[in-house]
N, C-alpha and C. Protein backbone atom coordinates (compact mmCIF):
# COMPACT_ATOMS: atom_id res chain seq x y z
N MET A 1 117.51 86.72 107.42
CA MET A 1 118.68 87.22 106.46
C MET A 1 118.66 88.77 106.74
N TYR A 2 119.84 89.24 106.72
CA TYR A 2 120.03 90.71 106.84
C TYR A 2 120.39 91.36 105.60
N SER A 3 119.91 92.41 105.32
CA SER A 3 120.33 93.25 104.04
C SER A 3 120.00 94.71 104.35
N LEU A 4 120.23 95.48 103.27
CA LEU A 4 119.95 96.92 103.40
C LEU A 4 118.83 97.40 102.56
N ASN A 5 118.09 98.26 103.12
CA ASN A 5 116.95 98.94 102.29
C ASN A 5 117.52 99.86 101.14
N CYS A 6 118.04 99.22 100.20
CA CYS A 6 118.77 99.96 99.08
C CYS A 6 118.55 99.14 97.74
N SER A 7 117.89 99.76 96.83
CA SER A 7 117.59 99.04 95.61
C SER A 7 118.76 98.44 94.95
N TYR A 8 120.06 98.92 94.94
CA TYR A 8 121.04 98.45 94.14
C TYR A 8 121.95 97.57 94.99
N TYR A 9 121.79 97.48 96.41
CA TYR A 9 122.55 96.62 97.16
C TYR A 9 121.78 95.34 97.28
N GLN A 10 122.18 94.31 96.64
CA GLN A 10 121.34 93.04 96.58
C GLN A 10 121.89 91.92 97.43
N LYS A 11 122.79 92.14 98.31
CA LYS A 11 123.44 91.16 99.07
C LYS A 11 122.68 90.80 100.32
N SER A 12 122.78 89.70 100.95
CA SER A 12 122.11 89.45 102.18
C SER A 12 122.91 88.38 102.93
N PHE A 13 122.89 88.43 104.20
CA PHE A 13 123.73 87.80 105.10
C PHE A 13 122.92 87.12 106.35
N ARG A 14 123.50 85.99 106.82
CA ARG A 14 122.87 85.33 107.90
C ARG A 14 122.86 86.06 109.27
N THR A 15 123.94 86.88 109.41
CA THR A 15 124.00 87.71 110.63
C THR A 15 124.32 89.19 110.37
N VAL A 16 123.85 90.08 111.25
CA VAL A 16 124.03 91.46 111.09
C VAL A 16 125.66 91.83 110.92
N GLN A 17 126.42 91.01 111.72
CA GLN A 17 127.82 91.20 111.76
C GLN A 17 128.42 90.99 110.31
N GLU A 18 128.00 90.04 109.64
CA GLU A 18 128.42 89.74 108.33
C GLU A 18 128.12 90.83 107.33
N LEU A 19 126.83 91.43 107.64
CA LEU A 19 126.35 92.55 106.78
C LEU A 19 127.31 93.74 107.04
N LEU A 20 127.58 94.08 108.32
CA LEU A 20 128.41 95.19 108.68
C LEU A 20 129.82 95.10 108.09
N ASN A 21 130.30 93.84 108.21
CA ASN A 21 131.62 93.58 107.67
C ASN A 21 131.69 93.88 106.22
N ASP A 22 130.66 93.42 105.45
CA ASP A 22 130.67 93.68 103.92
C ASP A 22 130.46 95.16 103.71
N ILE A 23 129.75 95.88 104.41
CA ILE A 23 129.58 97.33 104.17
C ILE A 23 130.89 98.01 104.35
N LEU A 24 131.63 97.68 105.43
CA LEU A 24 132.92 98.27 105.71
C LEU A 24 133.99 97.84 104.53
N GLU A 25 134.04 96.56 104.10
CA GLU A 25 135.00 96.19 103.14
C GLU A 25 134.63 96.71 101.83
N SER A 26 133.44 96.82 101.46
CA SER A 26 133.01 97.14 100.09
C SER A 26 132.98 98.69 99.88
N GLY A 27 132.91 99.50 101.00
CA GLY A 27 132.66 100.94 100.95
C GLY A 27 131.29 101.30 100.55
N MET A 28 130.34 100.36 100.85
CA MET A 28 128.89 100.72 100.72
C MET A 28 128.54 101.80 101.71
N ASP A 29 127.62 102.65 101.34
CA ASP A 29 126.97 103.71 102.20
C ASP A 29 126.31 103.07 103.37
N PRO A 30 126.71 103.33 104.52
CA PRO A 30 126.12 102.67 105.77
C PRO A 30 124.84 103.49 106.29
N ASN A 31 124.50 104.49 105.54
CA ASN A 31 123.20 105.27 106.00
C ASN A 31 121.95 104.59 105.63
N TYR A 32 121.99 103.45 105.00
CA TYR A 32 120.55 102.77 104.62
C TYR A 32 120.12 101.99 105.92
N GLU A 33 118.78 101.76 105.90
CA GLU A 33 118.19 101.07 107.04
C GLU A 33 118.52 99.48 106.81
N ILE A 34 118.78 98.78 107.89
CA ILE A 34 118.91 97.37 107.87
C ILE A 34 117.65 96.67 107.95
N LEU A 35 117.46 95.71 107.06
CA LEU A 35 116.27 94.85 106.92
C LEU A 35 116.62 93.50 107.47
N ARG A 36 115.59 92.95 108.26
CA ARG A 36 115.75 91.69 108.63
C ARG A 36 114.48 90.76 108.03
N ASP A 37 114.91 89.91 107.25
CA ASP A 37 113.91 89.10 106.49
C ASP A 37 112.95 89.95 105.74
N GLY A 38 113.55 91.07 105.13
CA GLY A 38 112.84 92.04 104.40
C GLY A 38 111.94 93.14 105.19
N LYS A 39 112.18 93.07 106.44
CA LYS A 39 111.33 94.08 107.27
C LYS A 39 112.33 95.02 107.99
N PRO A 40 112.01 96.25 107.95
CA PRO A 40 112.90 97.29 108.64
C PRO A 40 113.09 97.03 110.13
N THR A 41 114.42 97.18 110.47
CA THR A 41 114.73 97.10 111.88
C THR A 41 114.71 98.36 112.68
N GLY A 42 114.65 99.48 112.02
CA GLY A 42 114.58 100.76 112.71
C GLY A 42 116.04 101.33 113.01
N GLU A 43 117.08 100.61 112.38
CA GLU A 43 118.41 101.02 112.63
C GLU A 43 119.12 101.07 111.27
N SER A 44 119.94 102.03 111.07
CA SER A 44 120.84 102.01 109.90
C SER A 44 122.15 101.23 110.20
N ALA A 45 122.82 100.90 109.25
CA ALA A 45 124.12 100.35 109.53
C ALA A 45 125.09 101.24 110.21
N TRP A 46 124.93 102.52 110.00
CA TRP A 46 125.83 103.45 110.73
C TRP A 46 125.52 103.47 112.04
N ASP A 47 124.23 103.27 112.51
CA ASP A 47 123.88 103.21 113.93
C ASP A 47 124.81 102.15 114.68
N LEU A 48 125.02 101.02 113.97
CA LEU A 48 125.72 99.98 114.68
C LEU A 48 127.22 100.04 114.32
N ILE A 49 127.63 100.63 113.30
CA ILE A 49 129.14 100.77 112.98
C ILE A 49 129.68 101.96 113.83
N GLY A 50 128.97 103.04 113.84
CA GLY A 50 129.46 104.23 114.57
C GLY A 50 130.62 104.99 113.93
N PRO A 51 130.82 106.09 114.51
CA PRO A 51 131.94 107.02 114.03
C PRO A 51 133.40 106.47 114.12
N GLU A 52 133.49 105.49 114.98
CA GLU A 52 134.78 104.98 115.23
C GLU A 52 135.37 104.11 114.22
N ALA A 53 134.51 103.78 113.19
CA ALA A 53 134.86 102.82 112.01
C ALA A 53 135.73 103.46 111.03
């Protein structure tokens, strides 16, 4: 499951794309690191969304 390393963002998703979609739709700050099964991936959501979003 994918989520963000953020204490107040409690959502998790089966795919990283679902996570990114929720971040864009909800207006969540994309500068938090992505977690996969609770472990850091080394990438922030912003790394995957990029400035074109």
